[in-house]
């Protein structure tokens, strides 16, 4: 029996609409669209729909700067 090793969210979905990505992350729709427009978040088009893969959403979130305003080693 083969096991599925593809990463998915707790929703079990591999891609999300902008509204869903907003709800999952707590970020506003405008912020999601701004990140897409700036090239920081990869989105894809399927017809008129804009979708964000779970992997791209996770990569975007992991790439955000850490809170606190201090980089490691800086004083």
PDB file of N, CA and C in Angstrom:
ATOM      1  N   UNK A   1       0.834  -1.178   0.000  1.00  0.00           N
ATOM      2  CA  UNK A   1       0.000   0.000   0.000  1.00  0.00           C
ATOM      3  C   UNK A   1       0.885   1.249   0.000  1.00  0.00           C
ATOM      4  N   UNK A   2       0.607   2.204  -0.871  1.00  0.00           N
ATOM      5  CA  UNK A   2       1.375   3.443  -0.967  1.00  0.00           C
ATOM      6  C   UNK A   2       0.816   4.475   0.005  1.00  0.00           C
ATOM      7  N   UNK A   3       1.718   5.251   0.582  1.00  0.00           N
ATOM      8  CA  UNK A   3       1.295   6.321   1.475  1.00  0.00           C
ATOM      9  C   UNK A   3       1.445   7.647   0.763  1.00  0.00           C
ATOM     10  N   UNK A   4       0.516   8.539   0.982  1.00  0.00           N
ATOM     11  CA  UNK A   4       0.575   9.873   0.408  1.00  0.00           C
ATOM     12  C   UNK A   4       1.449  10.743   1.293  1.00  0.00           C
ATOM     13  N   UNK A   5       2.577  11.208   0.753  1.00  0.00           N
ATOM     14  CA  UNK A   5       3.502  12.017   1.543  1.00  0.00           C
ATOM     15  C   UNK A   5       3.397  13.506   1.213  1.00  0.00           C
ATOM     16  N   UNK A   6       2.418  13.895   0.401  1.00  0.00           N
ATOM     17  CA  UNK A   6       2.238  15.302   0.058  1.00  0.00           C
ATOM     18  C   UNK A   6       1.732  16.059   1.278  1.00  0.00           C
ATOM     19  N   UNK A   7       2.330  17.221   1.543  1.00  0.00           N
ATOM     20  CA  UNK A   7       1.916  18.017   2.688  1.00  0.00           C
ATOM     21  C   UNK A   7       0.611  18.738   2.388  1.00  0.00           C
ATOM     22  N   UNK A   8      -0.308  18.666   3.294  1.00  0.00           N
ATOM     23  CA  UNK A   8      -1.565  19.401   3.178  1.00  0.00           C
ATOM     24  C   UNK A   8      -1.867  20.052   4.514  1.00  0.00           C
ATOM     25  N   UNK A   9      -2.749  21.029   4.489  1.00  0.00           N
ATOM     26  CA  UNK A   9      -3.150  21.672   5.732  1.00  0.00           C
ATOM     27  C   UNK A   9      -4.135  20.779   6.457  1.00  0.00           C
ATOM     28  N   UNK A  10      -4.539  21.228   7.617  1.00  0.00           N
ATOM     29  CA  UNK A  10      -5.519  20.484   8.384  1.00  0.00           C
ATOM     30  C   UNK A  10      -6.845  20.367   7.626  1.00  0.00           C
ATOM     31  N   UNK A  11      -7.048  21.246   6.646  1.00  0.00           N
ATOM     32  CA  UNK A  11      -8.273  21.175   5.844  1.00  0.00           C
ATOM     33  C   UNK A  11      -8.188  20.053   4.826  1.00  0.00           C
ATOM     34  N   UNK A  12      -6.980  19.528   4.600  1.00  0.00           N
ATOM     35  CA  UNK A  12      -6.794  18.468   3.625  1.00  0.00           C
ATOM     36  C   UNK A  12      -6.696  18.976   2.196  1.00  0.00           C
ATOM     37  N   UNK A  13      -6.636  20.278   2.026  1.00  0.00           N
ATOM     38  CA  UNK A  13      -6.593  20.858   0.679  1.00  0.00           C
ATOM     39  C   UNK A  13      -5.173  21.219   0.299  1.00  0.00           C
ATOM     40  N   UNK A  14      -4.884  21.112  -0.976  1.00  0.00           N
ATOM     41  CA  UNK A  14      -3.548  21.439  -1.473  1.00  0.00           C
ATOM     42  C   UNK A  14      -3.466  22.850  -2.018  1.00  0.00           C
ATOM     43  N   UNK A  15      -4.601  23.476  -2.253  1.00  0.00           N
ATOM     44  CA  UNK A  15      -4.626  24.848  -2.762  1.00  0.00           C
ATOM     45  C   UNK A  15      -5.791  25.590  -2.123  1.00  0.00           C
ATOM     46  N   UNK A  16      -5.659  26.915  -2.066  1.00  0.00           N
ATOM     47  CA  UNK A  16      -6.642  27.748  -1.383  1.00  0.00           C
ATOM     48  C   UNK A  16      -6.960  28.979  -2.214  1.00  0.00           C
ATOM     49  N   UNK A  17      -8.171  29.453  -2.093  1.00  0.00           N
ATOM     50  CA  UNK A  17      -8.526  30.740  -2.688  1.00  0.00           C
ATOM     51  C   UNK A  17      -7.897  31.839  -1.834  1.00  0.00           C
ATOM     52  N   UNK A  18      -7.941  33.056  -2.316  1.00  0.00           N
ATOM     53  CA  UNK A  18      -7.404  34.183  -1.546  1.00  0.00           C
ATOM     54  C   UNK A  18      -8.173  34.316  -0.237  1.00  0.00           C
ATOM     55  N   UNK A  19      -9.494  34.174  -0.283  1.00  0.00           N
ATOM     56  CA  UNK A  19     -10.295  34.271   0.941  1.00  0.00           C
ATOM     57  C   UNK A  19      -9.914  33.180   1.943  1.00  0.00           C
ATOM     58  N   UNK A  20      -9.701  31.966   1.456  1.00  0.00           N
ATOM     59  CA  UNK A  20      -9.313  30.865   2.336  1.00  0.00           C
ATOM     60  C   UNK A  20      -7.926  31.091   2.927  1.00  0.00           C
ATOM     61  N   UNK A  21      -6.979  31.553   2.102  1.00  0.00           N
ATOM     62  CA  UNK A  21      -5.630  31.843   2.594  1.00  0.00           C
ATOM     63  C   UNK A  21      -5.683  32.933   3.658  1.00  0.00           C
ATOM     64  N   UNK A  22      -6.538  33.906   3.458  1.00  0.00           N
ATOM     65  CA  UNK A  22      -6.715  34.974   4.428  1.00  0.00           C
ATOM     66  C   UNK A  22      -7.244  34.416   5.750  1.00  0.00           C
ATOM     67  N   UNK A  23      -8.240  33.564   5.679  1.00  0.00           N
ATOM     68  CA  UNK A  23      -8.820  32.974   6.889  1.00  0.00           C
ATOM     69  C   UNK A  23      -7.821  32.053   7.602  1.00  0.00           C
ATOM     70  N   UNK A  24      -7.054  31.296   6.840  1.00  0.00           N
ATOM     71  CA  UNK A  24      -6.090  30.364   7.435  1.00  0.00           C
ATOM     72  C   UNK A  24      -4.951  31.084   8.151  1.00  0.00           C
ATOM     73  N   UNK A  25      -4.522  32.220   7.601  1.00  0.00           N
ATOM     74  CA  UNK A  25      -3.351  32.913   8.139  1.00  0.00           C
ATOM     75  C   UNK A  25      -3.694  34.049   9.087  1.00  0.00           C
ATOM     76  N   UNK A  26      -4.913  34.544   9.014  1.00  0.00           N
ATOM     77  CA  UNK A  26      -5.279  35.705   9.812  1.00  0.00           C
ATOM     78  C   UNK A  26      -4.858  37.012   9.164  1.00  0.00           C
ATOM     79  N   UNK A  27      -4.326  36.932   7.944  1.00  0.00           N
ATOM     80  CA  UNK A  27      -3.953  38.135   7.202  1.00  0.00           C
ATOM     81  C   UNK A  27      -5.147  38.600   6.382  1.00  0.00           C
ATOM     82  N   UNK A  28      -5.268  39.878   6.154  1.00  0.00           N
ATOM     83  CA  UNK A  28      -6.375  40.405   5.368  1.00  0.00           C
ATOM     84  C   UNK A  28      -6.220  40.095   3.885  1.00  0.00           C
ATOM     85  N   UNK A  29      -7.343  40.129   3.175  1.00  0.00           N
ATOM     86  CA  UNK A  29      -7.321  39.892   1.730  1.00  0.00           C
ATOM     87  C   UNK A  29      -6.410  40.884   1.024  1.00  0.00           C
ATOM     88  N   UNK A  30      -6.467  42.150   1.441  1.00  0.00           N
ATOM     89  CA  UNK A  30      -5.620  43.170   0.814  1.00  0.00           C
ATOM     90  C   UNK A  30      -4.146  42.846   1.001  1.00  0.00           C
ATOM     91  N   UNK A  31      -3.781  42.348   2.163  1.00  0.00           N
ATOM     92  CA  UNK A  31      -2.398  41.969   2.426  1.00  0.00           C
ATOM     93  C   UNK A  31      -1.964  40.790   1.565  1.00  0.00           C
ATOM     94  N   UNK A  32      -2.860  39.824   1.378  1.00  0.00           N
ATOM     95  CA  UNK A  32      -2.575  38.664   0.523  1.00  0.00           C
ATOM     96  C   UNK A  32      -2.368  39.143  -0.915  1.00  0.00           C
ATOM     97  N   UNK A  33      -3.290  39.980  -1.407  1.00  0.00           N
ATOM     98  CA  UNK A  33      -3.149  40.489  -2.775  1.00  0.00           C
ATOM     99  C   UNK A  33      -1.891  41.336  -2.943  1.00  0.00           C
ATOM    100  N   UNK A  34      -1.527  42.122  -1.925  1.00  0.00           N
ATOM    101  CA  UNK A  34      -0.312  42.947  -1.996  1.00  0.00           C
ATOM    102  C   UNK A  34       0.929  42.053  -2.078  1.00  0.00           C
ATOM    103  N   UNK A  35       0.952  40.977  -1.296  1.00  0.00           N
ATOM    104  CA  UNK A  35       2.088  40.054  -1.333  1.00  0.00           C
ATOM    105  C   UNK A  35       2.198  39.378  -2.697  1.00  0.00           C
ATOM    106  N   UNK A  36       1.057  39.059  -3.296  1.00  0.00           N
ATOM    107  CA  UNK A  36       1.055  38.470  -4.645  1.00  0.00           C
ATOM    108  C   UNK A  36       1.587  39.492  -5.650  1.00  0.00           C
ATOM    109  N   UNK A  37       1.075  40.710  -5.569  1.00  0.00           N
ATOM    110  CA  UNK A  37       1.466  41.772  -6.497  1.00  0.00           C
ATOM    111  C   UNK A  37       2.960  42.081  -6.390  1.00  0.00           C
ATOM    112  N   UNK A  38       3.497  42.050  -5.151  1.00  0.00           N
ATOM    113  CA  UNK A  38       4.914  42.349  -4.920  1.00  0.00           C
ATOM    114  C   UNK A  38       5.828  41.168  -5.240  1.00  0.00           C
ATOM    115  N   UNK A  39       5.249  40.018  -5.541  1.00  0.00           N
ATOM    116  CA  UNK A  39       6.046  38.842  -5.864  1.00  0.00           C
ATOM    117  C   UNK A  39       6.533  38.071  -4.657  1.00  0.00           C
ATOM    118  N   UNK A  40       6.046  38.409  -3.470  1.00  0.00           N
ATOM    119  CA  UNK A  40       6.468  37.704  -2.252  1.00  0.00           C
ATOM    120  C   UNK A  40       5.675  36.426  -2.030  1.00  0.00           C
ATOM    121  N   UNK A  41       4.476  36.348  -2.606  1.00  0.00           N
ATOM    122  CA  UNK A  41       3.621  35.171  -2.489  1.00  0.00           C
ATOM    123  C   UNK A  41       3.255  34.717  -3.893  1.00  0.00           C
ATOM    124  N   UNK A  42       3.540  33.465  -4.203  1.00  0.00           N
ATOM    125  CA  UNK A  42       3.246  32.914  -5.525  1.00  0.00           C
ATOM    126  C   UNK A  42       1.783  32.512  -5.569  1.00  0.00           C
ATOM    127  N   UNK A  43       1.091  32.969  -6.602  1.00  0.00           N
ATOM    128  CA  UNK A  43      -0.301  32.583  -6.821  1.00  0.00           C
ATOM    129  C   UNK A  43      -0.435  32.104  -8.258  1.00  0.00           C
ATOM    130  N   UNK A  44      -1.436  31.325  -8.501  1.00  0.00           N
ATOM    131  CA  UNK A  44      -1.674  30.780  -9.843  1.00  0.00           C
ATOM    132  C   UNK A  44      -3.103  31.095 -10.247  1.00  0.00           C
ATOM    133  N   UNK A  45      -3.332  31.111 -11.542  1.00  0.00           N
ATOM    134  CA  UNK A  45      -4.674  31.370 -12.056  1.00  0.00           C
ATOM    135  C   UNK A  45      -5.256  30.088 -12.632  1.00  0.00           C
ATOM    136  N   UNK A  46      -6.508  29.864 -12.337  1.00  0.00           N
ATOM    137  CA  UNK A  46      -7.274  28.780 -12.936  1.00  0.00           C
ATOM    138  C   UNK A  46      -8.551  29.433 -13.440  1.00  0.00           C
ATOM    139  N   UNK A  47      -8.553  29.755 -14.726  1.00  0.00           N
ATOM    140  CA  UNK A  47      -9.655  30.566 -15.248  1.00  0.00           C
ATOM    141  C   UNK A  47      -9.573  31.939 -14.611  1.00  0.00           C
ATOM    142  N   UNK A  48     -10.650  32.359 -14.002  1.00  0.00           N
ATOM    143  CA  UNK A  48     -10.675  33.659 -13.324  1.00  0.00           C
ATOM    144  C   UNK A  48     -10.270  33.561 -11.863  1.00  0.00           C
ATOM    145  N   UNK A  49     -10.156  32.347 -11.356  1.00  0.00           N
ATOM    146  CA  UNK A  49      -9.836  32.154  -9.937  1.00  0.00           C
ATOM    147  C   UNK A  49      -8.345  32.293  -9.682  1.00  0.00           C
ATOM    148  N   UNK A  50      -8.013  32.933  -8.584  1.00  0.00           N
ATOM    149  CA  UNK A  50      -6.643  33.010  -8.105  1.00  0.00           C
ATOM    150  C   UNK A  50      -6.510  31.989  -6.990  1.00  0.00           C
ATOM    151  N   UNK A  51      -5.540  31.083  -7.145  1.00  0.00           N
ATOM    152  CA  UNK A  51      -5.343  30.067  -6.113  1.00  0.00           C
ATOM    153  C   UNK A  51      -3.897  30.111  -5.622  1.00  0.00           C
ATOM    154  N   UNK A  52      -3.725  29.699  -4.390  1.00  0.00           N
ATOM    155  CA  UNK A  52      -2.417  29.670  -3.749  1.00  0.00           C
ATOM    156  C   UNK A  52      -2.211  28.251  -3.244  1.00  0.00           C
ATOM    157  N   UNK A  53      -1.139  27.611  -3.699  1.00  0.00           N
ATOM    158  CA  UNK A  53      -0.894  26.250  -3.232  1.00  0.00           C
ATOM    159  C   UNK A  53      -0.474  26.298  -1.767  1.00  0.00           C
ATOM    160  N   UNK A  54      -0.739  25.213  -1.074  1.00  0.00           N
ATOM    161  CA  UNK A  54      -0.388  25.131   0.337  1.00  0.00           C
ATOM    162  C   UNK A  54       1.121  25.288   0.531  1.00  0.00           C
ATOM    163  N   UNK A  55       1.911  24.687  -0.350  1.00  0.00           N
ATOM    164  CA  UNK A  55       3.368  24.806  -0.258  1.00  0.00           C
ATOM    165  C   UNK A  55       3.817  26.256  -0.415  1.00  0.00           C
ATOM    166  N   UNK A  56       3.236  26.985  -1.380  1.00  0.00           N
ATOM    167  CA  UNK A  56       3.599  28.390  -1.588  1.00  0.00           C
ATOM    168  C   UNK A  56       3.189  29.246  -0.394  1.00  0.00           C
ATOM    169  N   UNK A  57       2.030  28.956   0.190  1.00  0.00           N
ATOM    170  CA  UNK A  57       1.573  29.708   1.359  1.00  0.00           C
ATOM    171  C   UNK A  57       2.502  29.472   2.541  1.00  0.00           C
ATOM    172  N   UNK A  58       2.899  28.225   2.763  1.00  0.00           N
ATOM    173  CA  UNK A  58       3.818  27.903   3.863  1.00  0.00           C
ATOM    174  C   UNK A  58       5.181  28.567   3.648  1.00  0.00           C
ATOM    175  N   UNK A  59       5.663  28.555   2.409  1.00  0.00           N
ATOM    176  CA  UNK A  59       6.950  29.175   2.097  1.00  0.00           C
ATOM    177  C   UNK A  59       6.898  30.686   2.335  1.00  0.00           C
ATOM    178  N   UNK A  60       5.806  31.309   1.943  1.00  0.00           N
ATOM    179  CA  UNK A  60       5.623  32.745   2.172  1.00  0.00           C
ATOM    180  C   UNK A  60       5.667  33.051   3.670  1.00  0.00           C
ATOM    181  N   UNK A  61       4.918  32.293   4.456  1.00  0.00           N
ATOM    182  CA  UNK A  61       4.871  32.535   5.896  1.00  0.00           C
ATOM    183  C   UNK A  61       6.234  32.305   6.547  1.00  0.00           C
ATOM    184  N   UNK A  62       6.946  31.271   6.122  1.00  0.00           N
ATOM    185  CA  UNK A  62       8.268  30.981   6.682  1.00  0.00           C
ATOM    186  C   UNK A  62       9.276  32.073   6.328  1.00  0.00           C
ATOM    187  N   UNK A  63       9.049  32.776   5.220  1.00  0.00           N
ATOM    188  CA  UNK A  63       9.966  33.821   4.777  1.00  0.00           C
ATOM    189  C   UNK A  63       9.708  35.180   5.382  1.00  0.00           C
ATOM    190  N   UNK A  64       8.643  35.322   6.156  1.00  0.00           N
ATOM    191  CA  UNK A  64       8.367  36.608   6.792  1.00  0.00           C
ATOM    192  C   UNK A  64       9.407  36.877   7.866  1.00  0.00           C
ATOM    193  N   UNK A  65       9.751  38.156   8.084  1.00  0.00           N
ATOM    194  CA  UNK A  65      10.755  38.460   9.107  1.00  0.00           C
ATOM    195  C   UNK A  65      10.239  38.117  10.504  1.00  0.00           C
ATOM    196  N   UNK A  66      11.164  37.788  11.371  1.00  0.00           N
ATOM    197  CA  UNK A  66      10.802  37.497  12.759  1.00  0.00           C
ATOM    198  C   UNK A  66      10.388  38.783  13.460  1.00  0.00           C
ATOM    199  N   UNK A  67       9.489  38.670  14.397  1.00  0.00           N
ATOM    200  CA  UNK A  67       9.048  39.816  15.189  1.00  0.00           C
ATOM    201  C   UNK A  67      10.120  40.164  16.212  1.00  0.00           C
ATOM    202  N   UNK A  68      10.121  41.388  16.667  1.00  0.00           N
ATOM    203  CA  UNK A  68      11.056  41.803  17.710  1.00  0.00           C
ATOM    204  C   UNK A  68      12.038  42.847  17.249  1.00  0.00           C
ATOM    205  N   UNK A  69      12.237  42.955  15.928  1.00  0.00           N
ATOM    206  CA  UNK A  69      13.082  44.006  15.389  1.00  0.00           C
ATOM    207  C   UNK A  69      14.562  43.802  15.567  1.00  0.00           C
ATOM    208  N   UNK A  70      14.982  42.683  16.126  1.00  0.00           N
ATOM    209  CA  UNK A  70      16.409  42.434  16.302  1.00  0.00           C
ATOM    210  C   UNK A  70      16.813  41.195  15.538  1.00  0.00           C
ATOM    211  N   UNK A  71      17.875  41.348  14.771  1.00  0.00           N
ATOM    212  CA  UNK A  71      18.416  40.188  14.101  1.00  0.00           C
ATOM    213  C   UNK A  71      19.357  39.480  15.051  1.00  0.00           C
ATOM    214  N   UNK A  72      19.518  38.215  14.876  1.00  0.00           N
ATOM    215  CA  UNK A  72      20.394  37.433  15.731  1.00  0.00           C
ATOM    216  C   UNK A  72      21.834  37.947  15.602  1.00  0.00           C
ATOM    217  N   UNK A  73      22.483  38.180  16.716  1.00  0.00           N
ATOM    218  CA  UNK A  73      23.870  38.626  16.709  1.00  0.00           C
ATOM    219  C   UNK A  73      24.030  40.140  16.663  1.00  0.00           C
ATOM    220  N   UNK A  74      22.982  40.880  16.318  1.00  0.00           N
ATOM    221  CA  UNK A  74      23.073  42.337  16.260  1.00  0.00           C
ATOM    222  C   UNK A  74      22.832  42.921  17.659  1.00  0.00           C
ATOM    223  N   UNK A  75      23.591  43.954  17.996  1.00  0.00           N
ATOM    224  CA  UNK A  75      23.384  44.580  19.324  1.00  0.00           C
ATOM    225  C   UNK A  75      23.380  46.053  19.217  1.00  0.00           C
TER     226      UNK A  75
END
